[in-house]
Amino acid sequence: MTFMPEQKAAVLIEALPYIQSFYGKTIVIKYGGNAMINDQLKHKVIQDIILMKYVGMRPVVVHGGGPEITGFLKQIGKQSEFVSGLRVTDAETVAVAEMVLVGKINSEIVALLNRRGAKAVGLSGKDADLIKARKHLAEVYEQGEIRKVDIGFVGDVVKINTAILTTLLAQDYIPVIAPIGVGDHNESYNINADYVAGEIAGALEAEKLLLLTDVEGIYRDYQDKDSFISTLTLAEAREMILAGNIDGGMIPKVEACVRALTGGANKTHIIDGRQSHSLLLEVFTAEGIGTEVVK
């Protein structure tokens, strides 16, 4: 499709008020799903982040990497086991998770950003005690009762120490964060990247939290495409979780939005990372895409 010069200019003019509004503001991006696996989408996400940076925003990237961890465990002959959707993580598994998340995925994202002219710095939760964590106990429902299960080195965020992030942002760097937390005895904890992104967005009082996923957004009834929700309040989001209307992989994303908003972030958005330049469409257009969860 070829656009006329006037149409190209109209696109730029539409973006102008958003550039003005978000100039100097912190935007936390949770990078995951198909946008991390598909090479074409991966490069478009990187382009989006670079553009956001060069028009004056302050992006912070938090990434996942579950499929790559599973793949590497298979290579060494270790089968992944899950309880309530969480990976059972013994000492060997957490070492693999840290190696894949920090040593492979994080460094690849940093390299892609730097190759495009950004100043990106890779971090894990161990750097400057960025993500203090404690053991998470999974909840298992059995015979009408909830039982707590120890699934190893899976963590909950206790505290985000933002000093290193504010220092890097002030020096024009893009922090890229792997969701590995550190315990009181320097032990590593693998933490759901959605939760880490939500906690960081709240602690930084970010203007926006953008969660890339592999669905269009939130539906009141996923089987009914006409039930798509473009805007959801914090109270409505909590009610939908409690009522079981949000389940599966969408729960941590909505809970991340709740954590971000209650922590101090202004707005949160769950967007379809399978769509080209989804970050730009959400930030720089009047319609946006996906579902926004607001206070």
C-alpha atoms as a PDB file:
ATOM      1  CA  MET A   1       0.000   0.000   0.000  1.00  0.00           C
ATOM      2  CA  THR A   2       1.331   3.411  -1.030  1.00  0.00           C
ATOM      3  CA  PHE A   3       0.500   6.466   1.058  1.00  0.00           C
ATOM      4  CA  MET A   4       0.219   9.974  -0.316  1.00  0.00           C
ATOM      5  CA  PRO A   5       2.484  12.635   1.264  1.00  0.00           C
ATOM      6  CA  GLU A   6      -0.555  14.172   3.007  1.00  0.00           C
ATOM      7  CA  GLN A   7      -1.405  10.799   4.564  1.00  0.00           C
ATOM      8  CA  LYS A   8       2.156  10.355   5.808  1.00  0.00           C
ATOM      9  CA  ALA A   9       2.070  13.848   7.306  1.00  0.00           C
ATOM     10  CA  ALA A  10      -1.294  13.091   8.961  1.00  0.00           C
ATOM     11  CA  VAL A  11       0.223  10.070  10.725  1.00  0.00           C
ATOM     12  CA  LEU A  12       3.005  12.226  12.144  1.00  0.00           C
ATOM     13  CA  ILE A  13       0.598  14.967  13.204  1.00  0.00           C
ATOM     14  CA  GLU A  14      -1.624  12.413  14.966  1.00  0.00           C
ATOM     15  CA  ALA A  15       1.414  11.289  16.960  1.00  0.00           C
ATOM     16  CA  LEU A  16       2.443  14.830  17.977  1.00  0.00           C
ATOM     17  CA  PRO A  17       0.221  15.272  21.088  1.00  0.00           C
ATOM     18  CA  TYR A  18       1.315  11.869  22.411  1.00  0.00           C
ATOM     19  CA  ILE A  19       4.988  12.714  21.860  1.00  0.00           C
ATOM     20  CA  GLN A  20       4.425  15.947  23.760  1.00  0.00           C
ATOM     21  CA  SER A  21       2.451  14.259  26.542  1.00  0.00           C
ATOM     22  CA  PHE A  22       4.896  11.401  27.121  1.00  0.00           C
ATOM     23  CA  TYR A  23       8.152  13.327  26.667  1.00  0.00           C
ATOM     24  CA  GLY A  24      10.418  12.559  29.620  1.00  0.00           C
ATOM     25  CA  LYS A  25       7.990   9.958  31.004  1.00  0.00           C
ATOM     26  CA  THR A  26       8.959   6.423  32.035  1.00  0.00           C
ATOM     27  CA  ILE A  27       7.365   3.613  30.000  1.00  0.00           C
ATOM     28  CA  VAL A  28       7.813   0.038  31.262  1.00  0.00           C
ATOM     29  CA  ILE A  29       7.561  -2.619  28.552  1.00  0.00           C
ATOM     30  CA  LYS A  30       7.087  -6.300  29.362  1.00  0.00           C
ATOM     31  CA  TYR A  31       8.568  -8.049  26.339  1.00  0.00           C
ATOM     32  CA  GLY A  32       7.466 -11.645  25.798  1.00  0.00           C
ATOM     33  CA  GLY A  33       5.348 -14.047  23.780  1.00  0.00           C
ATOM     34  CA  ASN A  34       5.561 -14.467  20.019  1.00  0.00           C
ATOM     35  CA  ALA A  35       7.251 -11.076  19.662  1.00  0.00           C
ATOM     36  CA  MET A  36      10.334 -12.633  21.272  1.00  0.00           C
ATOM     37  CA  ILE A  37      10.325 -15.727  19.070  1.00  0.00           C
ATOM     38  CA  ASN A  38       9.405 -14.395  15.610  1.00  0.00           C
ATOM     39  CA  ASP A  39      12.467 -12.647  14.132  1.00  0.00           C
ATOM     40  CA  GLN A  40      10.439 -10.139  12.107  1.00  0.00           C
ATOM     41  CA  LEU A  41       8.342  -9.122  15.124  1.00  0.00           C
ATOM     42  CA  LYS A  42      11.440  -9.041  17.311  1.00  0.00           C
ATOM     43  CA  HIS A  43      13.134  -6.441  15.119  1.00  0.00           C
ATOM     44  CA  LYS A  44       9.940  -4.348  14.942  1.00  0.00           C
ATOM     45  CA  VAL A  45       9.665  -4.302  18.739  1.00  0.00           C
ATOM     46  CA  ILE A  46      13.286  -3.145  18.922  1.00  0.00           C
ATOM     47  CA  GLN A  47      12.524  -0.398  16.361  1.00  0.00           C
ATOM     48  CA  ASP A  48       9.502   0.692  18.428  1.00  0.00           C
ATOM     49  CA  ILE A  49      11.576   0.951  21.607  1.00  0.00           C
ATOM     50  CA  ILE A  50      14.294   2.915  19.807  1.00  0.00           C
ATOM     51  CA  LEU A  51      11.741   5.362  18.376  1.00  0.00           C
ATOM     52  CA  MET A  52      10.170   5.840  21.800  1.00  0.00           C
ATOM     53  CA  LYS A  53      13.615   6.619  23.187  1.00  0.00           C
ATOM     54  CA  TYR A  54      14.522   9.089  20.453  1.00  0.00           C
ATOM     55  CA  VAL A  55      11.315  11.099  20.849  1.00  0.00           C
ATOM     56  CA  GLY A  56      12.104  11.643  24.509  1.00  0.00           C
ATOM     57  CA  MET A  57      10.486   8.770  26.403  1.00  0.00           C
ATOM     58  CA  ARG A  58      12.355   6.697  28.975  1.00  0.00           C
ATOM     59  CA  PRO A  59      11.707   3.014  28.184  1.00  0.00           C
ATOM     60  CA  VAL A  60      12.468   0.250  30.670  1.00  0.00           C
ATOM     61  CA  VAL A  61      12.315  -3.305  29.295  1.00  0.00           C
ATOM     62  CA  VAL A  62      11.475  -6.411  31.351  1.00  0.00           C
ATOM     63  CA  HIS A  63      11.619  -9.708  29.468  1.00  0.00           C
ATOM     64  CA  GLY A  64      10.560 -13.294  29.983  1.00  0.00           C
ATOM     65  CA  GLY A  65      11.910 -16.484  28.437  1.00  0.00           C
ATOM     66  CA  GLY A  66       9.920 -19.523  29.585  1.00  0.00           C
ATOM     67  CA  PRO A  67       9.947 -21.385  26.242  1.00  0.00           C
ATOM     68  CA  GLU A  68      13.723 -21.022  25.915  1.00  0.00           C
ATOM     69  CA  ILE A  69      14.226 -22.293  29.462  1.00  0.00           C
ATOM     70  CA  THR A  70      12.026 -25.308  28.670  1.00  0.00           C
ATOM     71  CA  GLY A  71      13.992 -25.928  25.468  1.00  0.00           C
ATOM     72  CA  PHE A  72      17.349 -25.836  27.199  1.00  0.00           C
ATOM     73  CA  LEU A  73      16.150 -28.133  29.988  1.00  0.00           C
ATOM     74  CA  LYS A  74      15.057 -30.634  27.331  1.00  0.00           C
ATOM     75  CA  GLN A  75      18.515 -30.489  25.774  1.00  0.00           C
ATOM     76  CA  ILE A  76      20.095 -31.571  29.052  1.00  0.00           C
ATOM     77  CA  GLY A  77      17.466 -34.273  29.558  1.00  0.00           C
ATOM     78  CA  LYS A  78      15.463 -32.542  32.272  1.00  0.00           C
ATOM     79  CA  GLN A  79      11.683 -32.616  32.037  1.00  0.00           C
ATOM     80  CA  SER A  80       9.787 -29.503  33.128  1.00  0.00           C
ATOM     81  CA  GLU A  81       7.092 -29.989  35.768  1.00  0.00           C
ATOM     82  CA  PHE A  82       4.451 -27.388  36.551  1.00  0.00           C
ATOM     83  CA  VAL A  83       2.229 -26.810  39.592  1.00  0.00           C
ATOM     84  CA  SER A  84      -0.588 -24.247  39.279  1.00  0.00           C
ATOM     85  CA  GLY A  85       1.038 -22.986  36.092  1.00  0.00           C
ATOM     86  CA  LEU A  86       4.434 -22.430  37.743  1.00  0.00           C
ATOM     87  CA  ARG A  87       7.599 -24.348  36.908  1.00  0.00           C
ATOM     88  CA  VAL A  88       8.931 -26.556  39.694  1.00  0.00           C
ATOM     89  CA  THR A  89      12.420 -25.082  40.079  1.00  0.00           C
ATOM     90  CA  ASP A  90      15.132 -27.028  41.872  1.00  0.00           C
ATOM     91  CA  ALA A  91      18.725 -25.772  42.211  1.00  0.00           C
ATOM     92  CA  GLU A  92      19.728 -27.095  38.777  1.00  0.00           C
ATOM     93  CA  THR A  93      16.654 -25.597  37.091  1.00  0.00           C
ATOM     94  CA  VAL A  94      17.129 -22.134  38.612  1.00  0.00           C
ATOM     95  CA  ALA A  95      20.771 -22.190  37.477  1.00  0.00           C
ATOM     96  CA  VAL A  96      19.586 -22.979  33.935  1.00  0.00           C
ATOM     97  CA  ALA A  97      16.888 -20.277  34.128  1.00  0.00           C
ATOM     98  CA  GLU A  98      19.439 -17.692  35.247  1.00  0.00           C
ATOM     99  CA  MET A  99      21.856 -18.717  32.510  1.00  0.00           C
ATOM    100  CA  VAL A 100      19.195 -18.527  29.779  1.00  0.00           C
ATOM    101  CA  LEU A 101      17.491 -15.337  30.994  1.00  0.00           C
ATOM    102  CA  VAL A 102      20.592 -13.350  31.931  1.00  0.00           C
ATOM    103  CA  GLY A 103      23.345 -14.857  29.810  1.00  0.00           C
ATOM    104  CA  LYS A 104      21.424 -15.443  26.582  1.00  0.00           C
ATOM    105  CA  ILE A 105      18.116 -13.580  26.199  1.00  0.00           C
ATOM    106  CA  ASN A 106      19.073 -10.430  28.101  1.00  0.00           C
ATOM    107  CA  SER A 107      22.368 -10.009  26.271  1.00  0.00           C
ATOM    108  CA  GLU A 108      20.659 -10.564  22.890  1.00  0.00           C
ATOM    109  CA  ILE A 109      18.068  -7.822  23.553  1.00  0.00           C
ATOM    110  CA  VAL A 110      20.782  -5.434  24.744  1.00  0.00           C
ATOM    111  CA  ALA A 111      22.866  -6.140  21.636  1.00  0.00           C
ATOM    112  CA  LEU A 112      19.883  -5.549  19.310  1.00  0.00           C
ATOM    113  CA  LEU A 113      19.102  -2.210  20.966  1.00  0.00           C
ATOM    114  CA  ASN A 114      22.716  -1.070  20.940  1.00  0.00           C
ATOM    115  CA  ARG A 115      23.120  -2.044  17.298  1.00  0.00           C
ATOM    116  CA  ARG A 116      20.260   0.365  16.507  1.00  0.00           C
ATOM    117  CA  GLY A 117      21.993   3.237  18.277  1.00  0.00           C
ATOM    118  CA  ALA A 118      20.571   3.032  21.800  1.00  0.00           C
ATOM    119  CA  LYS A 119      22.512   2.840  25.046  1.00  0.00           C
ATOM    120  CA  ALA A 120      21.059  -0.300  26.620  1.00  0.00           C
ATOM    121  CA  VAL A 121      22.306  -1.952  29.809  1.00  0.00           C
ATOM    122  CA  GLY A 122      21.403  -5.491  30.863  1.00  0.00           C
ATOM    123  CA  LEU A 123      20.451  -6.178  34.480  1.00  0.00           C
ATOM    124  CA  SER A 124      19.166  -9.004  36.623  1.00  0.00           C
ATOM    125  CA  GLY A 125      17.556  -8.625  40.023  1.00  0.00           C
ATOM    126  CA  LYS A 126      20.934  -9.393  41.588  1.00  0.00           C
ATOM    127  CA  ASP A 127      22.481  -6.194  40.256  1.00  0.00           C
ATOM    128  CA  ALA A 128      22.498  -3.645  43.089  1.00  0.00           C
ATOM    129  CA  ASP A 129      19.830  -5.818  44.773  1.00  0.00           C
ATOM    130  CA  LEU A 130      17.376  -4.528  42.169  1.00  0.00           C
ATOM    131  CA  ILE A 131      14.756  -7.240  42.853  1.00  0.00           C
ATOM    132  CA  LYS A 132      14.647  -8.489  46.433  1.00  0.00           C
ATOM    133  CA  ALA A 133      12.658 -11.729  46.568  1.00  0.00           C
ATOM    134  CA  ARG A 134      11.406 -14.501  48.811  1.00  0.00           C
ATOM    135  CA  LYS A 135      10.192 -18.037  48.147  1.00  0.00           C
ATOM    136  CA  HIS A 136       6.764 -18.346  46.543  1.00  0.00           C
ATOM    137  CA  LEU A 137       4.500 -21.160  47.721  1.00  0.00           C
ATOM    138  CA  ALA A 138       2.132 -22.409  45.030  1.00  0.00           C
ATOM    139  CA  GLU A 139      -1.533 -22.848  45.882  1.00  0.00           C
ATOM    140  CA  VAL A 140      -3.083 -26.199  45.040  1.00  0.00           C
ATOM    141  CA  TYR A 141      -6.839 -26.798  45.380  1.00  0.00           C
ATOM    142  CA  GLU A 142      -7.625 -30.261  46.718  1.00  0.00           C
ATOM    143  CA  GLN A 143     -11.013 -31.471  47.980  1.00  0.00           C
ATOM    144  CA  GLY A 144     -12.263 -27.932  48.449  1.00  0.00           C
ATOM    145  CA  GLU A 145      -9.216 -26.789  50.394  1.00  0.00           C
ATOM    146  CA  ILE A 146      -6.156 -24.720  49.466  1.00  0.00           C
ATOM    147  CA  ARG A 147      -2.792 -26.339  50.146  1.00  0.00           C
ATOM    148  CA  LYS A 148       0.537 -24.485  49.947  1.00  0.00           C
ATOM    149  CA  VAL A 149       3.244 -26.317  47.989  1.00  0.00           C
ATOM    150  CA  ASP A 150       6.982 -25.601  47.965  1.00  0.00           C
ATOM    151  CA  ILE A 151       8.050 -25.625  44.302  1.00  0.00           C
ATOM    152  CA  GLY A 152      11.651 -24.615  44.863  1.00  0.00           C
ATOM    153  CA  PHE A 153      13.381 -21.437  43.732  1.00  0.00           C
ATOM    154  CA  VAL A 154      10.306 -19.606  42.461  1.00  0.00           C
ATOM    155  CA  GLY A 155      10.030 -16.150  43.942  1.00  0.00           C
ATOM    156  CA  ASP A 156       7.741 -13.310  44.903  1.00  0.00           C
ATOM    157  CA  VAL A 157       8.938  -9.718  44.702  1.00  0.00           C
ATOM    158  CA  VAL A 158       9.543  -8.226  48.143  1.00  0.00           C
ATOM    159  CA  LYS A 159      11.035  -4.896  47.070  1.00  0.00           C
ATOM    160  CA  ILE A 160      12.256  -3.084  43.967  1.00  0.00           C
ATOM    161  CA  ASN A 161      15.364  -1.000  44.659  1.00  0.00           C
ATOM    162  CA  THR A 162      14.929   1.679  42.032  1.00  0.00           C
ATOM    163  CA  ALA A 163      18.187   3.601  42.608  1.00  0.00           C
ATOM    164  CA  ILE A 164      20.106   1.849  39.838  1.00  0.00           C
ATOM    165  CA  LEU A 165      17.198   2.307  37.415  1.00  0.00           C
ATOM    166  CA  THR A 166      16.792   6.033  38.112  1.00  0.00           C
ATOM    167  CA  THR A 167      20.559   6.486  37.741  1.00  0.00           C
ATOM    168  CA  LEU A 168      20.618   4.701  34.376  1.00  0.00           C
ATOM    169  CA  LEU A 169      17.532   6.549  33.099  1.00  0.00           C
ATOM    170  CA  ALA A 170      19.045   9.890  34.110  1.00  0.00           C
ATOM    171  CA  GLN A 171      22.156   8.998  32.083  1.00  0.00           C
ATOM    172  CA  ASP A 172      20.041   8.187  28.994  1.00  0.00           C
ATOM    173  CA  TYR A 173      20.365   4.400  29.189  1.00  0.00           C
ATOM    174  CA  ILE A 174      17.635   1.825  28.495  1.00  0.00           C
ATOM    175  CA  PRO A 175      17.578  -0.736  31.345  1.00  0.00           C
ATOM    176  CA  VAL A 176      16.826  -4.285  30.165  1.00  0.00           C
ATOM    177  CA  ILE A 177      15.854  -6.497  33.094  1.00  0.00           C
ATOM    178  CA  ALA A 178      15.831 -10.286  33.478  1.00  0.00           C
ATOM    179  CA  PRO A 179      13.284 -11.512  36.079  1.00  0.00           C
ATOM    180  CA  ILE A 180      15.744 -13.169  38.457  1.00  0.00           C
ATOM    181  CA  GLY A 181      15.350 -12.042  42.054  1.00  0.00           C
ATOM    182  CA  VAL A 182      17.780 -12.325  44.942  1.00  0.00           C
ATOM    183  CA  GLY A 183      16.963 -13.691  48.402  1.00  0.00           C
ATOM    184  CA  ASP A 184      18.336 -12.811  51.821  1.00  0.00           C
ATOM    185  CA  HIS A 185      21.142 -15.360  51.464  1.00  0.00           C
ATOM    186  CA  ASN A 186      22.023 -14.377  47.872  1.00  0.00           C
ATOM    187  CA  GLU A 187      20.009 -17.284  46.460  1.00  0.00           C
ATOM    188  CA  SER A 188      18.453 -16.809  43.007  1.00  0.00           C
ATOM    189  CA  TYR A 189      14.707 -16.900  42.435  1.00  0.00           C
ATOM    190  CA  ASN A 190      12.968 -17.218  39.089  1.00  0.00           C
ATOM    191  CA  ILE A 191       9.999 -14.810  39.073  1.00  0.00           C
ATOM    192  CA  ASN A 192       7.131 -14.402  36.611  1.00  0.00           C
ATOM    193  CA  ALA A 193       8.196 -11.560  34.306  1.00  0.00           C
ATOM    194  CA  ASP A 194       4.692 -10.023  34.247  1.00  0.00           C
ATOM    195  CA  TYR A 195       4.800  -9.588  38.030  1.00  0.00           C
ATOM    196  CA  VAL A 196       8.311  -8.107  37.879  1.00  0.00           C
ATOM    197  CA  ALA A 197       7.204  -5.621  35.204  1.00  0.00           C
ATOM    198  CA  GLY A 198       4.161  -4.627  37.270  1.00  0.00           C
ATOM    199  CA  GLU A 199       6.222  -4.114  40.427  1.00  0.00           C
ATOM    200  CA  ILE A 200       8.857  -2.078  38.576  1.00  0.00           C
ATOM    201  CA  ALA A 201       6.217   0.086  36.860  1.00  0.00           C
ATOM    202  CA  GLY A 202       4.637   0.797  40.240  1.00  0.00           C
ATOM    203  CA  ALA A 203       7.936   1.506  41.999  1.00  0.00           C
ATOM    204  CA  LEU A 204       9.026   3.904  39.240  1.00  0.00           C
ATOM    205  CA  GLU A 205       5.557   5.510  39.123  1.00  0.00           C
ATOM    206  CA  ALA A 206       5.688   4.915  35.382  1.00  0.00           C
ATOM    207  CA  GLU A 207       3.405   6.741  32.986  1.00  0.00           C
ATOM    208  CA  LYS A 208       2.563   3.434  31.307  1.00  0.00           C
ATOM    209  CA  LEU A 209       3.055  -0.304  31.647  1.00  0.00           C
ATOM    210  CA  LEU A 210       2.779  -2.071  28.279  1.00  0.00           C
ATOM    211  CA  LEU A 211       2.426  -5.869  28.413  1.00  0.00           C
ATOM    212  CA  LEU A 212       3.009  -7.667  25.110  1.00  0.00           C
ATOM    213  CA  THR A 213       1.027 -10.887  24.826  1.00  0.00           C
ATOM    214  CA  ASP A 214      -0.282 -13.296  22.183  1.00  0.00           C
ATOM    215  CA  VAL A 215      -3.963 -12.323  22.312  1.00  0.00           C
ATOM    216  CA  GLU A 216      -5.867  -9.185  21.311  1.00  0.00           C
ATOM    217  CA  GLY A 217      -6.624  -8.223  24.913  1.00  0.00           C
ATOM    218  CA  ILE A 218      -9.318  -9.076  27.468  1.00  0.00           C
ATOM    219  CA  TYR A 219     -12.775 -10.437  26.644  1.00  0.00           C
ATOM    220  CA  ARG A 220     -15.722 -10.795  29.026  1.00  0.00           C
ATOM    221  CA  ASP A 221     -16.267 -14.083  27.200  1.00  0.00           C
ATOM    222  CA  TYR A 222     -13.290 -15.229  25.144  1.00  0.00           C
ATOM    223  CA  GLN A 223     -15.560 -17.279  22.870  1.00  0.00           C
ATOM    224  CA  ASP A 224     -17.485 -14.117  21.975  1.00  0.00           C
ATOM    225  CA  LYS A 225     -15.358 -11.691  19.938  1.00  0.00           C
ATOM    226  CA  ASP A 226     -17.998  -8.984  20.441  1.00  0.00           C
ATOM    227  CA  SER A 227     -17.292  -8.994  24.186  1.00  0.00           C
ATOM    228  CA  PHE A 228     -13.854  -7.391  23.787  1.00  0.00           C
ATOM    229  CA  ILE A 229     -13.039  -4.872  26.536  1.00  0.00           C
ATOM    230  CA  SER A 230     -11.062  -1.794  25.494  1.00  0.00           C
ATOM    231  CA  THR A 231     -10.991  -0.196  28.966  1.00  0.00           C
ATOM    232  CA  LEU A 232     -11.182  -1.893  32.346  1.00  0.00           C
ATOM    233  CA  THR A 233     -11.045  -0.246  35.765  1.00  0.00           C
ATOM    234  CA  LEU A 234      -8.877  -1.546  38.575  1.00  0.00           C
ATOM    235  CA  ALA A 235     -11.969  -2.598  40.552  1.00  0.00           C
ATOM    236  CA  GLU A 236     -13.475  -4.394  37.532  1.00  0.00           C
ATOM    237  CA  ALA A 237     -10.216  -6.236  36.901  1.00  0.00           C
ATOM    238  CA  ARG A 238     -10.123  -7.515  40.467  1.00  0.00           C
ATOM    239  CA  GLU A 239     -13.769  -8.600  40.267  1.00  0.00           C
ATOM    240  CA  MET A 240     -13.182 -10.502  37.007  1.00  0.00           C
ATOM    241  CA  ILE A 241     -10.243 -12.398  38.519  1.00  0.00           C
ATOM    242  CA  LEU A 242     -12.237 -13.355  41.617  1.00  0.00           C
ATOM    243  CA  ALA A 243     -15.226 -14.399  39.477  1.00  0.00           C
ATOM    244  CA  GLY A 244     -13.014 -16.614  37.295  1.00  0.00           C
ATOM    245  CA  ASN A 245     -13.723 -14.581  34.148  1.00  0.00           C
ATOM    246  CA  ILE A 246      -9.996 -14.097  33.696  1.00  0.00           C
ATOM    247  CA  ASP A 247      -7.964 -17.261  33.839  1.00  0.00           C
ATOM    248  CA  GLY A 248      -4.894 -19.049  32.536  1.00  0.00           C
ATOM    249  CA  GLY A 249      -1.988 -16.997  31.245  1.00  0.00           C
ATOM    250  CA  MET A 250      -4.015 -13.785  31.371  1.00  0.00           C
ATOM    251  CA  ILE A 251      -4.190 -13.826  35.193  1.00  0.00           C
ATOM    252  CA  PRO A 252      -0.554 -12.758  35.801  1.00  0.00           C
ATOM    253  CA  LYS A 253      -0.904 -10.022  33.176  1.00  0.00           C
ATOM    254  CA  VAL A 254      -4.007  -8.536  34.791  1.00  0.00           C
ATOM    255  CA  GLU A 255      -2.489  -8.961  38.245  1.00  0.00           C
ATOM    256  CA  ALA A 256       0.630  -7.159  36.962  1.00  0.00           C
ATOM    257  CA  CYS A 257      -1.611  -4.266  35.922  1.00  0.00           C
ATOM    258  CA  VAL A 258      -3.173  -4.235  39.401  1.00  0.00           C
ATOM    259  CA  ARG A 259       0.261  -4.212  41.062  1.00  0.00           C
ATOM    260  CA  ALA A 260       1.488  -1.414  38.802  1.00  0.00           C
ATOM    261  CA  LEU A 261      -1.549   0.813  39.376  1.00  0.00           C
ATOM    262  CA  THR A 262      -1.665   0.287  43.138  1.00  0.00           C
ATOM    263  CA  GLY A 263       2.093   0.902  43.286  1.00  0.00           C
ATOM    264  CA  GLY A 264       1.933   4.255  41.525  1.00  0.00           C
ATOM    265  CA  ALA A 265       1.846   3.739  37.744  1.00  0.00           C
ATOM    266  CA  ASN A 266      -0.600   5.892  35.788  1.00  0.00           C
ATOM    267  CA  LYS A 267      -1.960   3.512  33.128  1.00  0.00           C
ATOM    268  CA  THR A 268      -1.468  -0.089  32.038  1.00  0.00           C
ATOM    269  CA  HIS A 269      -2.096  -1.792  28.706  1.00  0.00           C
ATOM    270  CA  ILE A 270      -2.317  -5.423  27.594  1.00  0.00           C
ATOM    271  CA  ILE A 271      -1.598  -5.450  23.857  1.00  0.00           C
ATOM    272  CA  ASP A 272      -1.203  -7.974  21.059  1.00  0.00           C
ATOM    273  CA  GLY A 273       2.511  -8.384  20.409  1.00  0.00           C
ATOM    274  CA  ARG A 274       1.760 -10.414  17.272  1.00  0.00           C
ATOM    275  CA  GLN A 275       0.705  -7.180  15.546  1.00  0.00           C
ATOM    276  CA  SER A 276       3.495  -5.297  13.799  1.00  0.00           C
ATOM    277  CA  HIS A 277       4.615  -2.187  15.675  1.00  0.00           C
ATOM    278  CA  SER A 278       2.042  -2.792  18.401  1.00  0.00           C
ATOM    279  CA  LEU A 279       3.921  -0.544  20.844  1.00  0.00           C
ATOM    280  CA  LEU A 280       3.753   2.424  18.500  1.00  0.00           C
ATOM    281  CA  LEU A 281       0.078   1.811  17.712  1.00  0.00           C
ATOM    282  CA  GLU A 282      -0.748   1.831  21.419  1.00  0.00           C
ATOM    283  CA  VAL A 283       1.327   4.852  22.405  1.00  0.00           C
ATOM    284  CA  PHE A 284       1.035   7.151  19.388  1.00  0.00           C
ATOM    285  CA  THR A 285      -2.517   6.724  18.052  1.00  0.00           C
ATOM    286  CA  ALA A 286      -5.906   7.917  19.274  1.00  0.00           C
ATOM    287  CA  GLU A 287      -7.551   4.484  19.089  1.00  0.00           C
ATOM    288  CA  GLY A 288      -4.681   2.440  20.495  1.00  0.00           C
ATOM    289  CA  ILE A 289      -4.961  -1.345  20.585  1.00  0.00           C
ATOM    290  CA  GLY A 290      -5.597  -3.980  23.222  1.00  0.00           C
ATOM    291  CA  THR A 291      -7.112  -3.469  26.669  1.00  0.00           C
ATOM    292  CA  GLU A 292      -6.147  -0.676  29.031  1.00  0.00           C
ATOM    293  CA  VAL A 293      -6.548  -1.151  32.781  1.00  0.00           C
ATOM    294  CA  VAL A 294      -6.884   2.168  34.584  1.00  0.00           C
ATOM    295  CA  LYS A 295      -7.369   3.407  38.149  1.00  0.00           C
END
